[in-house]
Amino acid sequence: MNAKFAYVLLLLTVMTLVYDAAGQISINHRCGGSSECRKPCARATGYYSSKCINGSCVCYGSG
């Protein structure tokens, strides 16, 4: 019973992570901070939701 619960919990976690990652688009725009990504992401996807990760813009909300 305990193993089934752990398996179901693991499955739900993986499904949630995959769903969250589906709406991410990495655009080829260098950045030094997340505020530099808002306008390029709005042009690329139509959404201002963005983040600067490892010097590159990642846009959210397009999926």
N, C-alpha and C. Protein backbone atom coordinates (compact mmCIF):
# COMPACT_ATOMS: atom_id res chain seq x y z
N MET A 1 0.82 -1.19 0.00
CA MET A 1 0.00 0.00 0.00
C MET A 1 0.87 1.26 0.00
N ASN A 2 1.93 1.24 0.76
CA ASN A 2 2.82 2.39 0.83
C ASN A 2 3.55 2.62 -0.49
N ALA A 3 3.92 1.54 -1.17
CA ALA A 3 4.61 1.66 -2.45
C ALA A 3 3.67 2.23 -3.51
N LYS A 4 2.41 1.86 -3.48
CA LYS A 4 1.44 2.40 -4.44
C LYS A 4 1.27 3.90 -4.25
N PHE A 5 1.20 4.33 -3.00
CA PHE A 5 1.06 5.76 -2.72
C PHE A 5 2.27 6.54 -3.23
N ALA A 6 3.47 6.01 -3.01
CA ALA A 6 4.69 6.66 -3.47
C ALA A 6 4.72 6.73 -4.99
N TYR A 7 4.29 5.67 -5.66
CA TYR A 7 4.26 5.65 -7.12
C TYR A 7 3.28 6.69 -7.66
N VAL A 8 2.10 6.77 -7.07
CA VAL A 8 1.09 7.74 -7.52
C VAL A 8 1.60 9.16 -7.28
N LEU A 9 2.23 9.40 -6.16
CA LEU A 9 2.78 10.72 -5.86
C LEU A 9 3.88 11.09 -6.86
N LEU A 10 4.74 10.16 -7.18
CA LEU A 10 5.79 10.40 -8.17
C LEU A 10 5.19 10.69 -9.54
N LEU A 11 4.19 9.94 -9.93
CA LEU A 11 3.54 10.13 -11.22
C LEU A 11 2.89 11.51 -11.31
N LEU A 12 2.21 11.93 -10.27
CA LEU A 12 1.58 13.25 -10.26
C LEU A 12 2.61 14.37 -10.32
N THR A 13 3.73 14.19 -9.64
CA THR A 13 4.79 15.19 -9.67
C THR A 13 5.37 15.33 -11.07
N VAL A 14 5.65 14.22 -11.72
CA VAL A 14 6.20 14.25 -13.08
C VAL A 14 5.21 14.90 -14.04
N MET A 15 3.94 14.55 -13.93
CA MET A 15 2.93 15.13 -14.82
C MET A 15 2.83 16.64 -14.63
N THR A 16 2.92 17.10 -13.40
CA THR A 16 2.85 18.53 -13.12
C THR A 16 4.06 19.26 -13.70
N LEU A 17 5.24 18.68 -13.56
CA LEU A 17 6.44 19.31 -14.09
C LEU A 17 6.41 19.37 -15.61
N VAL A 18 5.95 18.33 -16.26
CA VAL A 18 5.88 18.32 -17.72
C VAL A 18 4.88 19.36 -18.19
N TYR A 19 3.75 19.48 -17.51
CA TYR A 19 2.74 20.46 -17.90
C TYR A 19 3.28 21.88 -17.75
N ASP A 20 4.00 22.16 -16.67
CA ASP A 20 4.56 23.49 -16.46
C ASP A 20 5.61 23.84 -17.50
N ALA A 21 6.39 22.89 -17.92
CA ALA A 21 7.46 23.14 -18.88
C ALA A 21 6.94 23.29 -20.30
N ALA A 22 5.72 22.87 -20.57
CA ALA A 22 5.19 22.91 -21.93
C ALA A 22 5.02 24.34 -22.44
N GLY A 23 4.79 25.31 -21.57
CA GLY A 23 4.56 26.67 -21.99
C GLY A 23 5.81 27.53 -22.04
N GLN A 24 6.99 26.94 -21.92
CA GLN A 24 8.24 27.70 -21.92
C GLN A 24 8.86 27.71 -23.30
N ILE A 25 9.30 28.89 -23.71
CA ILE A 25 10.02 29.02 -24.97
C ILE A 25 11.28 29.81 -24.70
N SER A 26 12.41 29.26 -25.08
CA SER A 26 13.68 29.96 -24.94
C SER A 26 13.95 30.69 -26.25
N ILE A 27 14.08 32.02 -26.17
CA ILE A 27 14.38 32.79 -27.37
C ILE A 27 15.86 33.13 -27.37
N ASN A 28 16.39 33.41 -28.51
CA ASN A 28 17.82 33.67 -28.66
C ASN A 28 18.10 35.15 -28.38
N HIS A 29 17.91 35.55 -27.13
CA HIS A 29 18.15 36.93 -26.72
C HIS A 29 18.98 36.92 -25.43
N ARG A 30 20.15 37.54 -25.48
CA ARG A 30 21.02 37.59 -24.31
C ARG A 30 20.47 38.60 -23.31
N CYS A 31 20.64 38.30 -22.02
CA CYS A 31 20.11 39.18 -20.98
C CYS A 31 21.01 39.16 -19.76
N GLY A 32 20.87 40.22 -18.96
CA GLY A 32 21.58 40.31 -17.70
C GLY A 32 20.63 40.33 -16.52
N GLY A 33 19.34 40.46 -16.82
CA GLY A 33 18.31 40.48 -15.79
C GLY A 33 16.95 40.23 -16.42
N SER A 34 16.01 39.79 -15.62
CA SER A 34 14.69 39.43 -16.15
C SER A 34 13.94 40.60 -16.77
N SER A 35 14.21 41.81 -16.31
CA SER A 35 13.51 42.97 -16.87
C SER A 35 13.88 43.21 -18.33
N GLU A 36 15.03 42.72 -18.77
CA GLU A 36 15.46 42.87 -20.16
C GLU A 36 14.73 41.92 -21.10
N CYS A 37 13.99 40.97 -20.56
CA CYS A 37 13.33 39.95 -21.39
C CYS A 37 11.87 40.27 -21.70
N ARG A 38 11.29 41.24 -21.03
CA ARG A 38 9.85 41.47 -21.17
C ARG A 38 9.45 41.86 -22.59
N LYS A 39 10.10 42.86 -23.16
CA LYS A 39 9.73 43.30 -24.51
C LYS A 39 10.07 42.26 -25.58
N PRO A 40 11.26 41.64 -25.56
CA PRO A 40 11.53 40.60 -26.56
C PRO A 40 10.55 39.43 -26.49
N CYS A 41 10.15 39.04 -25.28
CA CYS A 41 9.19 37.95 -25.15
C CYS A 41 7.81 38.37 -25.62
N ALA A 42 7.44 39.61 -25.36
CA ALA A 42 6.14 40.10 -25.84
C ALA A 42 6.10 40.11 -27.36
N ARG A 43 7.21 40.47 -28.00
CA ARG A 43 7.27 40.44 -29.47
C ARG A 43 7.21 39.01 -29.99
N ALA A 44 7.89 38.09 -29.30
CA ALA A 44 7.97 36.71 -29.78
C ALA A 44 6.72 35.89 -29.51
N THR A 45 6.09 36.10 -28.34
CA THR A 45 4.97 35.24 -27.95
C THR A 45 3.66 35.97 -27.70
N GLY A 46 3.74 37.29 -27.48
CA GLY A 46 2.54 38.04 -27.15
C GLY A 46 2.30 38.13 -25.65
N TYR A 47 3.18 37.55 -24.86
CA TYR A 47 3.07 37.56 -23.40
C TYR A 47 4.31 38.21 -22.79
N TYR A 48 4.12 38.97 -21.73
CA TYR A 48 5.24 39.63 -21.05
C TYR A 48 5.90 38.73 -20.00
N SER A 49 5.32 37.60 -19.68
CA SER A 49 5.88 36.71 -18.65
C SER A 49 7.20 36.15 -19.13
N SER A 50 8.27 36.47 -18.42
CA SER A 50 9.60 36.05 -18.86
C SER A 50 10.56 36.00 -17.68
N LYS A 51 11.70 35.38 -17.96
CA LYS A 51 12.75 35.27 -16.94
C LYS A 51 14.09 35.14 -17.65
N CYS A 52 15.12 35.71 -17.06
CA CYS A 52 16.47 35.57 -17.57
C CYS A 52 17.11 34.39 -16.86
N ILE A 53 17.40 33.33 -17.60
CA ILE A 53 18.00 32.13 -17.03
C ILE A 53 19.30 31.83 -17.77
N ASN A 54 20.40 31.81 -17.04
CA ASN A 54 21.73 31.54 -17.59
C ASN A 54 22.07 32.47 -18.76
N GLY A 55 21.67 33.73 -18.65
CA GLY A 55 22.02 34.72 -19.66
C GLY A 55 21.17 34.67 -20.91
N SER A 56 20.08 33.93 -20.90
CA SER A 56 19.20 33.83 -22.05
C SER A 56 17.75 33.97 -21.59
N CYS A 57 16.93 34.61 -22.40
CA CYS A 57 15.53 34.84 -22.04
C CYS A 57 14.69 33.58 -22.24
N VAL A 58 13.85 33.30 -21.26
CA VAL A 58 12.87 32.22 -21.34
C VAL A 58 11.50 32.86 -21.18
N CYS A 59 10.61 32.60 -22.15
CA CYS A 59 9.27 33.19 -22.15
C CYS A 59 8.25 32.16 -21.69
N TYR A 60 7.24 32.63 -20.96
CA TYR A 60 6.20 31.76 -20.41
C TYR A 60 4.83 32.19 -20.92
N GLY A 61 3.88 31.28 -20.83
CA GLY A 61 2.50 31.60 -21.14
C GLY A 61 2.13 31.45 -22.59
N SER A 62 2.98 30.87 -23.39
CA SER A 62 2.68 30.75 -24.81
C SER A 62 2.06 29.41 -25.17
N GLY A 63 2.00 28.50 -24.22
CA GLY A 63 1.49 27.17 -24.52
C GLY A 63 0.14 27.02 -23.97
